[in-house]
Amino acid sequence: MKQHDNDTNRLLEDASNGDKAAFDALWDRLRPEIERRARQLMRREHRRITLETHALVNEVYMECCRDTPSAVSRLHFLRIIAKMMWGFLIDQSRKRSRYKHGGGVIFVRLSSVDPILPSSPAIDIMDLDRCLSKLKLEHHGQRAHDVVSGRFIAGLTQGEIAEVLNISAKTAAKDWRFAQAWLAKCLQNDSTEGQDGDETTSA
């Protein structure tokens, strides 16, 4: 196991230095984990999109070929890849919403991690992304943002998040609880503002 980890770290270092063969070897080695995390992310969709898991993984692979991510560990690499997949889903939702006049938005389920809004499990993926950005930028919650993205987007365990962020498991759990409450309020406000806008439009 230790030799396997050492080999992975060597491939990570070589890939970060622009070695294409090392990146391909790294991708082949981690592809089962990448596909598993992609499936986890796709399963959280409330409304299916015309995109299969392997297509999402291939899109990210092609993006990595254009600009190889620099990672210091296996978990760090998987977290970067998961964030790239999330970004691709956001772009897909934005395009569908534009082409279908708001009717093609992708929704996600949070209950597979921890129910933030038990009464409203299907949440607009773009609303969630906006709230994550607000958590990071407006409230100086970079670490809480990283904990949420690590857990919901990357599918990391609490222990893995603590390892990647170099914090204690206790701190990771505290940040997760804070972020849950903050996101619940933010998502509720977004929902209320949307309803107010609908009423104004129809008036």
N, C-alpha and C. Protein backbone atom coordinates (compact mmCIF):
# COMPACT_ATOMS: atom_id res chain seq x y z
N MET A 1 0.83 -1.21 0.00
CA MET A 1 0.00 0.00 0.00
C MET A 1 0.87 1.26 0.00
N LYS A 2 1.94 1.22 0.81
CA LYS A 2 2.83 2.38 0.89
C LYS A 2 3.52 2.61 -0.45
N GLN A 3 3.94 1.50 -1.11
CA GLN A 3 4.58 1.63 -2.41
C GLN A 3 3.62 2.21 -3.44
N HIS A 4 2.35 1.78 -3.35
CA HIS A 4 1.32 2.30 -4.26
C HIS A 4 1.15 3.80 -4.06
N ASP A 5 1.13 4.24 -2.80
CA ASP A 5 1.01 5.68 -2.50
C ASP A 5 2.23 6.44 -3.01
N ASN A 6 3.42 5.86 -2.83
CA ASN A 6 4.63 6.51 -3.30
C ASN A 6 4.63 6.66 -4.82
N ASP A 7 4.15 5.62 -5.50
CA ASP A 7 4.07 5.67 -6.96
C ASP A 7 3.09 6.75 -7.42
N THR A 8 1.95 6.84 -6.70
CA THR A 8 0.94 7.86 -7.04
C THR A 8 1.51 9.25 -6.83
N ASN A 9 2.20 9.45 -5.72
CA ASN A 9 2.80 10.77 -5.45
C ASN A 9 3.85 11.13 -6.49
N ARG A 10 4.61 10.14 -6.94
CA ARG A 10 5.61 10.40 -7.97
C ARG A 10 4.94 10.80 -9.29
N LEU A 11 3.85 10.11 -9.63
CA LEU A 11 3.12 10.45 -10.85
C LEU A 11 2.50 11.84 -10.73
N LEU A 12 2.00 12.17 -9.55
CA LEU A 12 1.43 13.51 -9.33
C LEU A 12 2.48 14.59 -9.56
N GLU A 13 3.66 14.36 -9.01
CA GLU A 13 4.73 15.35 -9.15
C GLU A 13 5.15 15.49 -10.61
N ASP A 14 5.33 14.35 -11.29
CA ASP A 14 5.75 14.40 -12.69
C ASP A 14 4.68 15.02 -13.57
N ALA A 15 3.41 14.68 -13.30
CA ALA A 15 2.31 15.25 -14.09
C ALA A 15 2.22 16.76 -13.89
N SER A 16 2.43 17.21 -12.66
CA SER A 16 2.39 18.64 -12.36
C SER A 16 3.51 19.39 -13.07
N ASN A 17 4.58 18.67 -13.40
CA ASN A 17 5.71 19.28 -14.10
C ASN A 17 5.57 19.17 -15.62
N GLY A 18 4.39 18.74 -16.07
CA GLY A 18 4.13 18.71 -17.50
C GLY A 18 4.39 17.40 -18.21
N ASP A 19 4.63 16.33 -17.46
CA ASP A 19 4.88 15.02 -18.07
C ASP A 19 3.54 14.39 -18.46
N LYS A 20 3.23 14.39 -19.76
CA LYS A 20 1.94 13.89 -20.24
C LYS A 20 1.78 12.40 -19.97
N ALA A 21 2.85 11.63 -20.17
CA ALA A 21 2.79 10.19 -19.93
C ALA A 21 2.48 9.91 -18.46
N ALA A 22 3.07 10.71 -17.56
CA ALA A 22 2.81 10.53 -16.13
C ALA A 22 1.36 10.86 -15.80
N PHE A 23 0.83 11.93 -16.45
CA PHE A 23 -0.56 12.28 -16.21
C PHE A 23 -1.49 11.17 -16.67
N ASP A 24 -1.24 10.61 -17.84
CA ASP A 24 -2.09 9.53 -18.35
C ASP A 24 -2.04 8.31 -17.42
N ALA A 25 -0.84 8.00 -16.92
CA ALA A 25 -0.69 6.88 -15.99
C ALA A 25 -1.43 7.17 -14.69
N LEU A 26 -1.35 8.42 -14.22
CA LEU A 26 -2.05 8.83 -13.01
C LEU A 26 -3.56 8.73 -13.21
N TRP A 27 -4.04 9.20 -14.35
CA TRP A 27 -5.48 9.16 -14.64
C TRP A 27 -5.98 7.72 -14.68
N ASP A 28 -5.23 6.84 -15.35
CA ASP A 28 -5.63 5.44 -15.43
C ASP A 28 -5.68 4.81 -14.04
N ARG A 29 -4.74 5.21 -13.19
CA ARG A 29 -4.68 4.64 -11.84
C ARG A 29 -5.86 5.11 -10.99
N LEU A 30 -6.22 6.37 -11.14
CA LEU A 30 -7.28 6.95 -10.29
C LEU A 30 -8.66 6.96 -10.96
N ARG A 31 -8.74 6.52 -12.20
CA ARG A 31 -10.02 6.59 -12.93
C ARG A 31 -11.17 5.91 -12.20
N PRO A 32 -10.99 4.71 -11.60
CA PRO A 32 -12.12 4.12 -10.87
C PRO A 32 -12.66 5.03 -9.77
N GLU A 33 -11.77 5.70 -9.05
CA GLU A 33 -12.21 6.64 -8.00
C GLU A 33 -12.87 7.87 -8.61
N ILE A 34 -12.32 8.35 -9.72
CA ILE A 34 -12.90 9.51 -10.39
C ILE A 34 -14.31 9.19 -10.87
N GLU A 35 -14.49 8.01 -11.47
CA GLU A 35 -15.80 7.62 -11.97
C GLU A 35 -16.79 7.41 -10.83
N ARG A 36 -16.30 6.87 -9.72
CA ARG A 36 -17.19 6.67 -8.56
C ARG A 36 -17.68 8.01 -8.02
N ARG A 37 -16.79 8.98 -7.93
CA ARG A 37 -17.17 10.29 -7.43
C ARG A 37 -18.07 11.02 -8.43
N ALA A 38 -17.85 10.77 -9.73
CA ALA A 38 -18.72 11.36 -10.74
C ALA A 38 -20.13 10.79 -10.61
N ARG A 39 -20.22 9.48 -10.37
CA ARG A 39 -21.54 8.85 -10.19
C ARG A 39 -22.24 9.41 -8.96
N GLN A 40 -21.49 9.63 -7.88
CA GLN A 40 -22.07 10.20 -6.67
C GLN A 40 -22.66 11.58 -6.96
N LEU A 41 -21.91 12.38 -7.71
CA LEU A 41 -22.35 13.73 -8.03
C LEU A 41 -23.57 13.69 -8.94
N MET A 42 -23.57 12.81 -9.92
CA MET A 42 -24.69 12.72 -10.85
C MET A 42 -25.94 12.18 -10.17
N ARG A 43 -25.76 11.30 -9.18
CA ARG A 43 -26.93 10.74 -8.48
C ARG A 43 -27.67 11.80 -7.68
N ARG A 44 -27.01 12.91 -7.39
CA ARG A 44 -27.65 13.96 -6.61
C ARG A 44 -28.54 14.85 -7.46
N GLU A 45 -28.58 14.58 -8.76
CA GLU A 45 -29.46 15.35 -9.63
C GLU A 45 -30.90 14.96 -9.38
N HIS A 46 -31.76 15.96 -9.38
CA HIS A 46 -33.20 15.73 -9.25
C HIS A 46 -33.82 15.58 -10.63
N ARG A 47 -33.33 16.33 -11.58
CA ARG A 47 -33.80 16.24 -12.96
C ARG A 47 -32.65 15.78 -13.82
N ARG A 48 -32.84 14.66 -14.50
CA ARG A 48 -31.76 14.09 -15.30
C ARG A 48 -31.36 15.02 -16.44
N ILE A 49 -30.07 15.03 -16.75
CA ILE A 49 -29.59 15.79 -17.88
C ILE A 49 -29.06 14.82 -18.92
N THR A 50 -28.92 15.28 -20.14
CA THR A 50 -28.47 14.41 -21.23
C THR A 50 -26.95 14.28 -21.18
N LEU A 51 -26.46 13.71 -20.10
CA LEU A 51 -25.02 13.55 -19.92
C LEU A 51 -24.78 12.31 -19.07
N GLU A 52 -24.02 11.37 -19.60
CA GLU A 52 -23.70 10.16 -18.86
C GLU A 52 -22.43 10.38 -18.05
N THR A 53 -22.25 9.53 -17.04
CA THR A 53 -21.09 9.66 -16.17
C THR A 53 -19.78 9.62 -16.95
N HIS A 54 -19.66 8.66 -17.89
CA HIS A 54 -18.41 8.54 -18.62
C HIS A 54 -18.15 9.79 -19.47
N ALA A 55 -19.23 10.42 -19.95
CA ALA A 55 -19.07 11.64 -20.75
C ALA A 55 -18.56 12.78 -19.88
N LEU A 56 -19.08 12.88 -18.65
CA LEU A 56 -18.62 13.90 -17.72
C LEU A 56 -17.14 13.70 -17.40
N VAL A 57 -16.76 12.45 -17.14
CA VAL A 57 -15.37 12.14 -16.83
C VAL A 57 -14.47 12.47 -18.03
N ASN A 58 -14.92 12.13 -19.23
CA ASN A 58 -14.11 12.42 -20.43
C ASN A 58 -13.97 13.91 -20.67
N GLU A 59 -15.03 14.68 -20.41
CA GLU A 59 -14.95 16.14 -20.55
C GLU A 59 -13.86 16.70 -19.66
N VAL A 60 -13.82 16.22 -18.42
CA VAL A 60 -12.83 16.71 -17.46
C VAL A 60 -11.43 16.25 -17.87
N TYR A 61 -11.33 15.03 -18.36
CA TYR A 61 -10.03 14.53 -18.82
C TYR A 61 -9.48 15.43 -19.93
N MET A 62 -10.32 15.79 -20.89
CA MET A 62 -9.89 16.64 -21.99
C MET A 62 -9.46 18.01 -21.49
N GLU A 63 -10.18 18.53 -20.49
CA GLU A 63 -9.79 19.82 -19.92
C GLU A 63 -8.44 19.71 -19.22
N CYS A 64 -8.21 18.59 -18.54
CA CYS A 64 -6.92 18.38 -17.86
C CYS A 64 -5.78 18.26 -18.87
N CYS A 65 -6.08 17.68 -20.03
CA CYS A 65 -5.06 17.57 -21.07
C CYS A 65 -4.63 18.95 -21.57
N ARG A 66 -5.59 19.88 -21.56
CA ARG A 66 -5.28 21.24 -21.99
C ARG A 66 -4.53 22.01 -20.91
N ASP A 67 -4.87 21.73 -19.68
CA ASP A 67 -4.25 22.45 -18.55
C ASP A 67 -4.18 21.50 -17.36
N THR A 68 -3.06 20.80 -17.23
CA THR A 68 -2.91 19.79 -16.19
C THR A 68 -2.93 20.42 -14.80
N PRO A 69 -3.84 19.95 -13.93
CA PRO A 69 -3.90 20.51 -12.57
C PRO A 69 -2.68 20.12 -11.75
N SER A 70 -2.30 20.99 -10.85
CA SER A 70 -1.18 20.72 -9.96
C SER A 70 -1.72 20.31 -8.60
N ALA A 71 -1.40 19.10 -8.17
CA ALA A 71 -1.91 18.59 -6.90
C ALA A 71 -0.77 18.00 -6.08
N VAL A 72 -0.92 18.06 -4.76
CA VAL A 72 0.16 17.59 -3.87
C VAL A 72 -0.13 16.22 -3.28
N SER A 73 -1.36 15.71 -3.49
CA SER A 73 -1.71 14.40 -2.96
C SER A 73 -2.86 13.82 -3.77
N ARG A 74 -3.11 12.54 -3.56
CA ARG A 74 -4.22 11.87 -4.26
C ARG A 74 -5.54 12.54 -3.95
N LEU A 75 -5.80 12.82 -2.67
CA LEU A 75 -7.07 13.44 -2.28
C LEU A 75 -7.19 14.84 -2.85
N HIS A 76 -6.07 15.56 -2.85
CA HIS A 76 -6.08 16.91 -3.42
C HIS A 76 -6.42 16.85 -4.91
N PHE A 77 -5.85 15.89 -5.62
CA PHE A 77 -6.13 15.73 -7.05
C PHE A 77 -7.61 15.39 -7.28
N LEU A 78 -8.15 14.46 -6.49
CA LEU A 78 -9.55 14.08 -6.65
C LEU A 78 -10.48 15.24 -6.34
N ARG A 79 -10.10 16.06 -5.38
CA ARG A 79 -10.91 17.24 -5.04
C ARG A 79 -10.92 18.23 -6.20
N ILE A 80 -9.76 18.44 -6.82
CA ILE A 80 -9.68 19.34 -7.97
C ILE A 80 -10.54 18.82 -9.12
N ILE A 81 -10.46 17.51 -9.39
CA ILE A 81 -11.23 16.91 -10.47
C ILE A 81 -12.73 17.04 -10.21
N ALA A 82 -13.14 16.82 -8.96
CA ALA A 82 -14.56 16.93 -8.62
C ALA A 82 -15.07 18.36 -8.81
N LYS A 83 -14.25 19.34 -8.45
CA LYS A 83 -14.64 20.74 -8.64
C LYS A 83 -14.75 21.08 -10.12
N MET A 84 -13.91 20.46 -10.94
CA MET A 84 -14.00 20.66 -12.39
C MET A 84 -15.31 20.06 -12.92
N MET A 85 -15.68 18.89 -12.41
CA MET A 85 -16.94 18.27 -12.83
C MET A 85 -18.13 19.14 -12.41
N TRP A 86 -18.06 19.67 -11.20
CA TRP A 86 -19.11 20.56 -10.71
C TRP A 86 -19.23 21.78 -11.62
N GLY A 87 -18.08 22.37 -11.99
CA GLY A 87 -18.10 23.53 -12.87
C GLY A 87 -18.73 23.21 -14.21
N PHE A 88 -18.47 22.00 -14.71
CA PHE A 88 -19.05 21.60 -15.99
C PHE A 88 -20.57 21.49 -15.86
N LEU A 89 -21.06 20.92 -14.76
CA LEU A 89 -22.50 20.81 -14.54
C LEU A 89 -23.16 22.18 -14.41
N ILE A 90 -22.46 23.11 -13.76
CA ILE A 90 -22.97 24.48 -13.65
C ILE A 90 -23.12 25.10 -15.04
N ASP A 91 -22.10 24.92 -15.87
CA ASP A 91 -22.15 25.46 -17.23
C ASP A 91 -23.30 24.84 -18.01
N GLN A 92 -23.49 23.53 -17.85
CA GLN A 92 -24.59 22.84 -18.55
C GLN A 92 -25.94 23.39 -18.11
N SER A 93 -26.09 23.61 -16.80
CA SER A 93 -27.35 24.13 -16.29
C SER A 93 -27.60 25.54 -16.78
N ARG A 94 -26.54 26.35 -16.82
CA ARG A 94 -26.68 27.73 -17.29
C ARG A 94 -27.10 27.76 -18.76
N LYS A 95 -26.51 26.91 -19.58
CA LYS A 95 -26.86 26.85 -21.00
C LYS A 95 -28.30 26.38 -21.19
N ARG A 96 -28.68 25.33 -20.45
CA ARG A 96 -30.04 24.80 -20.59
C ARG A 96 -31.07 25.83 -20.16
N SER A 97 -30.74 26.56 -19.09
CA SER A 97 -31.67 27.59 -18.61
C SER A 97 -31.84 28.68 -19.64
N ARG A 98 -30.74 29.05 -20.29
CA ARG A 98 -30.80 30.11 -21.29
C ARG A 98 -31.56 29.65 -22.53
N TYR A 99 -31.27 28.44 -22.99
CA TYR A 99 -31.91 27.96 -24.21
C TYR A 99 -33.39 27.63 -24.01
N LYS A 100 -33.73 27.22 -22.78
CA LYS A 100 -35.12 26.82 -22.52
C LYS A 100 -35.85 27.85 -21.68
N HIS A 101 -35.33 29.07 -21.64
CA HIS A 101 -35.98 30.18 -20.92
C HIS A 101 -36.27 29.82 -19.46
N GLY A 102 -35.26 29.24 -18.80
CA GLY A 102 -35.39 28.92 -17.38
C GLY A 102 -35.94 27.55 -17.10
N GLY A 103 -36.35 26.81 -18.14
CA GLY A 103 -36.98 25.52 -17.91
C GLY A 103 -36.04 24.34 -17.88
N GLY A 104 -34.76 24.55 -18.15
CA GLY A 104 -33.84 23.42 -18.22
C GLY A 104 -32.83 23.38 -17.10
N VAL A 105 -33.14 24.03 -16.00
CA VAL A 105 -32.21 24.10 -14.88
C VAL A 105 -32.01 22.72 -14.25
N ILE A 106 -30.77 22.43 -13.86
CA ILE A 106 -30.46 21.18 -13.17
C ILE A 106 -30.70 21.37 -11.68
N PHE A 107 -31.36 20.38 -11.07
CA PHE A 107 -31.55 20.40 -9.63
C PHE A 107 -30.74 19.29 -9.00
N VAL A 108 -30.31 19.49 -7.76
CA VAL A 108 -29.52 18.49 -7.05
C VAL A 108 -30.17 18.17 -5.72
N ARG A 109 -29.85 16.98 -5.23
CA ARG A 109 -30.35 16.55 -3.92
C ARG A 109 -29.21 16.61 -2.91
N LEU A 110 -29.47 17.24 -1.79
CA LEU A 110 -28.46 17.33 -0.73
C LEU A 110 -28.61 16.23 0.31
N SER A 111 -29.72 15.51 0.24
CA SER A 111 -30.00 14.51 1.28
C SER A 111 -29.01 13.35 1.27
N SER A 112 -28.29 13.16 0.15
CA SER A 112 -27.33 12.07 0.10
C SER A 112 -26.11 12.35 0.96
N VAL A 113 -25.93 13.60 1.38
CA VAL A 113 -24.81 13.96 2.27
C VAL A 113 -25.35 14.25 3.65
N ASP A 114 -26.18 15.26 3.74
CA ASP A 114 -26.85 15.68 4.97
C ASP A 114 -27.95 16.61 4.54
N PRO A 115 -29.20 16.39 4.96
CA PRO A 115 -30.27 17.26 4.50
C PRO A 115 -30.16 18.66 5.06
N ILE A 116 -29.87 19.63 4.19
CA ILE A 116 -29.82 21.02 4.62
C ILE A 116 -31.23 21.59 4.71
N LEU A 117 -32.03 21.26 3.71
CA LEU A 117 -33.43 21.69 3.70
C LEU A 117 -34.31 20.47 3.51
N PRO A 118 -34.65 19.78 4.61
CA PRO A 118 -35.42 18.54 4.49
C PRO A 118 -36.75 18.74 3.77
N SER A 119 -37.36 19.91 3.90
CA SER A 119 -38.66 20.13 3.28
C SER A 119 -38.55 20.45 1.80
N SER A 120 -37.34 20.73 1.32
CA SER A 120 -37.14 21.07 -0.09
C SER A 120 -35.84 20.44 -0.58
N PRO A 121 -35.85 19.10 -0.79
CA PRO A 121 -34.61 18.41 -1.13
C PRO A 121 -34.07 18.73 -2.52
N ALA A 122 -34.91 19.19 -3.43
CA ALA A 122 -34.45 19.49 -4.78
C ALA A 122 -34.10 20.98 -4.88
N ILE A 123 -32.81 21.27 -5.11
CA ILE A 123 -32.32 22.64 -5.10
C ILE A 123 -31.66 22.96 -6.42
N ASP A 124 -31.96 24.13 -6.94
CA ASP A 124 -31.36 24.62 -8.17
C ASP A 124 -29.83 24.62 -8.00
N ILE A 125 -29.13 23.92 -8.89
CA ILE A 125 -27.68 23.80 -8.77
C ILE A 125 -27.00 25.17 -8.84
N MET A 126 -27.58 26.10 -9.59
CA MET A 126 -26.97 27.43 -9.69
C MET A 126 -27.21 28.24 -8.42
N ASP A 127 -28.35 28.04 -7.76
CA ASP A 127 -28.60 28.70 -6.48
C ASP A 127 -27.59 28.20 -5.44
N LEU A 128 -27.37 26.89 -5.43
CA LEU A 128 -26.41 26.33 -4.48
C LEU A 128 -25.01 26.87 -4.76
N ASP A 129 -24.63 26.96 -6.03
CA ASP A 129 -23.32 27.47 -6.38
C ASP A 129 -23.16 28.94 -5.97
N ARG A 130 -24.24 29.73 -6.17
CA ARG A 130 -24.20 31.15 -5.76
C ARG A 130 -24.03 31.27 -4.25
N CYS A 131 -24.73 30.43 -3.52
CA CYS A 131 -24.62 30.49 -2.06
C CYS A 131 -23.24 30.05 -1.59
N LEU A 132 -22.66 29.08 -2.26
CA LEU A 132 -21.29 28.67 -1.90
C LEU A 132 -20.31 29.81 -2.15
N SER A 133 -20.53 30.55 -3.24
CA SER A 133 -19.66 31.70 -3.53
C SER A 133 -19.84 32.79 -2.48
N LYS A 134 -21.08 33.03 -2.08
CA LYS A 134 -21.34 34.03 -1.04
C LYS A 134 -20.70 33.63 0.27
N LEU A 135 -20.79 32.34 0.59
CA LEU A 135 -20.19 31.85 1.84
C LEU A 135 -18.69 32.13 1.85
N LYS A 136 -18.05 31.96 0.71
CA LYS A 136 -16.60 32.16 0.62
C LYS A 136 -16.22 33.64 0.56
N LEU A 137 -16.93 34.42 -0.24
CA LEU A 137 -16.52 35.79 -0.52
C LEU A 137 -17.09 36.82 0.44
N GLU A 138 -18.39 36.69 0.76
CA GLU A 138 -19.04 37.72 1.56
C GLU A 138 -18.85 37.52 3.06
N HIS A 139 -18.64 36.30 3.47
CA HIS A 139 -18.58 36.02 4.91
C HIS A 139 -17.23 35.45 5.32
N HIS A 140 -16.24 35.57 4.45
CA HIS A 140 -14.89 35.12 4.77
C HIS A 140 -14.88 33.67 5.25
N GLY A 141 -15.74 32.88 4.64
CA GLY A 141 -15.84 31.48 5.06
C GLY A 141 -15.14 30.54 4.12
N GLN A 142 -13.89 30.88 3.74
CA GLN A 142 -13.15 30.04 2.79
C GLN A 142 -13.06 28.61 3.28
N ARG A 143 -12.72 28.43 4.55
CA ARG A 143 -12.55 27.07 5.06
C ARG A 143 -13.88 26.33 5.11
N ALA A 144 -14.94 27.01 5.54
CA ALA A 144 -16.26 26.38 5.56
C ALA A 144 -16.70 26.02 4.14
N HIS A 145 -16.40 26.92 3.20
CA HIS A 145 -16.71 26.65 1.79
C HIS A 145 -15.96 25.40 1.33
N ASP A 146 -14.69 25.30 1.69
CA ASP A 146 -13.89 24.15 1.26
C ASP A 146 -14.39 22.85 1.89
N VAL A 147 -14.89 22.94 3.11
CA VAL A 147 -15.44 21.75 3.77
C VAL A 147 -16.70 21.28 3.03
N VAL A 148 -17.58 22.22 2.69
CA VAL A 148 -18.81 21.86 1.98
C VAL A 148 -18.50 21.30 0.59
N SER A 149 -17.63 21.99 -0.15
CA SER A 149 -17.30 21.52 -1.50
C SER A 149 -16.60 20.17 -1.44
N GLY A 150 -15.78 19.97 -0.42
CA GLY A 150 -15.11 18.68 -0.27
C GLY A 150 -16.08 17.57 0.02
N ARG A 151 -17.08 17.87 0.83
CA ARG A 151 -18.02 16.83 1.23
C ARG A 151 -19.10 16.59 0.17
N PHE A 152 -19.73 17.67 -0.30
CA PHE A 152 -20.84 17.50 -1.24
C PHE A 152 -20.36 17.30 -2.67
N ILE A 153 -19.40 18.11 -3.11
CA ILE A 153 -18.95 18.06 -4.50
C ILE A 153 -17.95 16.93 -4.73
N ALA A 154 -16.93 16.85 -3.88
CA ALA A 154 -15.88 15.85 -4.08
C ALA A 154 -16.21 14.50 -3.46
N GLY A 155 -17.20 14.45 -2.56
CA GLY A 155 -17.58 13.20 -1.95
C GLY A 155 -16.57 12.67 -0.95
N LEU A 156 -15.79 13.58 -0.34
CA LEU A 156 -14.80 13.16 0.64
C LEU A 156 -15.45 12.92 1.99
N THR A 157 -14.85 12.05 2.77
CA THR A 157 -15.31 11.84 4.14
C THR A 157 -14.80 13.00 5.00
N GLN A 158 -15.33 13.09 6.20
CA GLN A 158 -14.89 14.16 7.09
C GLN A 158 -13.40 14.04 7.40
N GLY A 159 -12.94 12.80 7.57
CA GLY A 159 -11.53 12.59 7.84
C GLY A 159 -10.65 12.98 6.66
N GLU A 160 -11.12 12.68 5.44
CA GLU A 160 -10.36 13.05 4.24
C GLU A 160 -10.32 14.56 4.07
N ILE A 161 -11.44 15.23 4.37
CA ILE A 161 -11.48 16.70 4.29
C ILE A 161 -10.47 17.30 5.25
N ALA A 162 -10.45 16.78 6.48
CA ALA A 162 -9.52 17.28 7.49
C ALA A 162 -8.07 17.11 7.00
N GLU A 163 -7.80 15.98 6.35
CA GLU A 163 -6.44 15.72 5.85
C GLU A 163 -6.08 16.69 4.73
N VAL A 164 -6.99 16.89 3.78
CA VAL A 164 -6.71 17.77 2.64
C VAL A 164 -6.52 19.21 3.09
N LEU A 165 -7.36 19.66 4.04
CA LEU A 165 -7.31 21.05 4.49
C LEU A 165 -6.32 21.27 5.64
N ASN A 166 -5.73 20.18 6.11
CA ASN A 166 -4.76 20.24 7.20
C ASN A 166 -5.37 20.86 8.46
N ILE A 167 -6.57 20.36 8.80
CA ILE A 167 -7.26 20.79 10.01
C ILE A 167 -7.68 19.53 10.78
N SER A 168 -8.14 19.72 12.01
CA SER A 168 -8.59 18.57 12.79
C SER A 168 -9.97 18.14 12.34
N ALA A 169 -10.32 16.88 12.62
CA ALA A 169 -11.65 16.38 12.30
C ALA A 169 -12.71 17.16 13.07
N LYS A 170 -12.37 17.59 14.28
CA LYS A 170 -13.30 18.37 15.10
C LYS A 170 -13.60 19.71 14.43
N THR A 171 -12.55 20.35 13.91
CA THR A 171 -12.74 21.64 13.22
C THR A 171 -13.55 21.45 11.95
N ALA A 172 -13.29 20.38 11.21
CA ALA A 172 -14.04 20.10 9.99
C ALA A 172 -15.52 19.90 10.31
N ALA A 173 -15.81 19.20 11.40
CA ALA A 173 -17.20 18.97 11.79
C ALA A 173 -17.88 20.29 12.20
N LYS A 174 -17.15 21.13 12.91
CA LYS A 174 -17.68 22.44 13.34
C LYS A 174 -17.99 23.31 12.12
N ASP A 175 -17.06 23.34 11.16
CA ASP A 175 -17.27 24.13 9.94
C ASP A 175 -18.45 23.60 9.14
N TRP A 176 -18.61 22.28 9.12
CA TRP A 176 -19.72 21.67 8.39
C TRP A 176 -21.06 22.08 8.99
N ARG A 177 -21.15 22.08 10.32
CA ARG A 177 -22.39 22.48 10.98
C ARG A 177 -22.70 23.95 10.71
N PHE A 178 -21.67 24.79 10.78
CA PHE A 178 -21.86 26.22 10.51
C PHE A 178 -22.34 26.43 9.07
N ALA A 179 -21.68 25.74 8.13
CA ALA A 179 -22.02 25.91 6.71
C ALA A 179 -23.42 25.41 6.42
N GLN A 180 -23.84 24.33 7.05
CA GLN A 180 -25.21 23.82 6.87
C GLN A 180 -26.23 24.90 7.21
N ALA A 181 -26.06 25.49 8.40
CA ALA A 181 -27.01 26.51 8.84
C ALA A 181 -26.96 27.73 7.93
N TRP A 182 -25.77 28.14 7.54
CA TRP A 182 -25.63 29.33 6.69
C TRP A 182 -26.23 29.10 5.32
N LEU A 183 -25.96 27.94 4.72
CA LEU A 183 -26.49 27.63 3.40
C LEU A 183 -28.00 27.49 3.41
N ALA A 184 -28.53 26.90 4.50
CA ALA A 184 -29.98 26.76 4.61
C ALA A 184 -30.66 28.13 4.55
N LYS A 185 -30.09 29.08 5.27
CA LYS A 185 -30.65 30.44 5.28
C LYS A 185 -30.49 31.10 3.92
N CYS A 186 -29.32 30.93 3.30
CA CYS A 186 -29.06 31.54 2.00
C CYS A 186 -29.99 30.98 0.93
N LEU A 187 -30.16 29.66 0.92
CA LEU A 187 -31.02 29.02 -0.08
C LEU A 187 -32.48 29.41 0.13
N GLN A 188 -32.88 29.55 1.39
CA GLN A 188 -34.25 29.97 1.69
C GLN A 188 -34.48 31.39 1.21
N ASN A 189 -33.49 32.25 1.41
CA ASN A 189 -33.61 33.64 0.95
C ASN A 189 -33.70 33.70 -0.57
N ASP A 190 -32.89 32.88 -1.26
CA ASP A 190 -32.94 32.84 -2.72
C ASP A 190 -34.31 32.41 -3.20
N SER A 191 -34.86 31.40 -2.51
CA SER A 191 -36.17 30.90 -2.88
C SER A 191 -37.24 31.95 -2.69
N THR A 192 -37.16 32.69 -1.58
CA THR A 192 -38.14 33.74 -1.29
C THR A 192 -38.04 34.87 -2.29
N GLU A 193 -36.80 35.25 -2.63
CA GLU A 193 -36.60 36.32 -3.61
C GLU A 193 -37.14 35.92 -4.97
N GLY A 194 -36.98 34.62 -5.31
CA GLY A 194 -37.49 34.14 -6.59
C GLY A 194 -38.99 34.20 -6.65
N GLN A 195 -39.64 33.85 -5.53
CA GLN A 195 -41.10 33.90 -5.48
C GLN A 195 -41.59 35.34 -5.57
N ASP A 196 -40.89 36.24 -4.90
CA ASP A 196 -41.26 37.66 -4.96
C ASP A 196 -41.14 38.18 -6.38
N GLY A 197 -40.07 37.74 -7.07
CA GLY A 197 -39.88 38.18 -8.45
C GLY A 197 -40.97 37.66 -9.35
N ASP A 198 -41.43 36.42 -9.12
CA ASP A 198 -42.50 35.85 -9.93
C ASP A 198 -43.79 36.63 -9.74
N GLU A 199 -44.04 36.98 -8.46
CA GLU A 199 -45.27 37.73 -8.16
C GLU A 199 -45.25 39.10 -8.81
N THR A 200 -44.03 39.74 -8.78
CA THR A 200 -43.91 41.06 -9.39
C THR A 200 -44.13 41.00 -10.90
N THR A 201 -43.58 39.94 -11.52
CA THR A 201 -43.72 39.80 -12.95
C THR A 201 -45.16 39.58 -13.37
N SER A 202 -45.90 38.79 -12.56
CA SER A 202 -47.27 38.47 -12.91
C SER A 202 -48.24 39.60 -12.59
N ALA A 203 -47.80 40.56 -11.78
CA ALA A 203 -48.71 41.62 -11.33
C ALA A 203 -49.04 42.60 -12.43
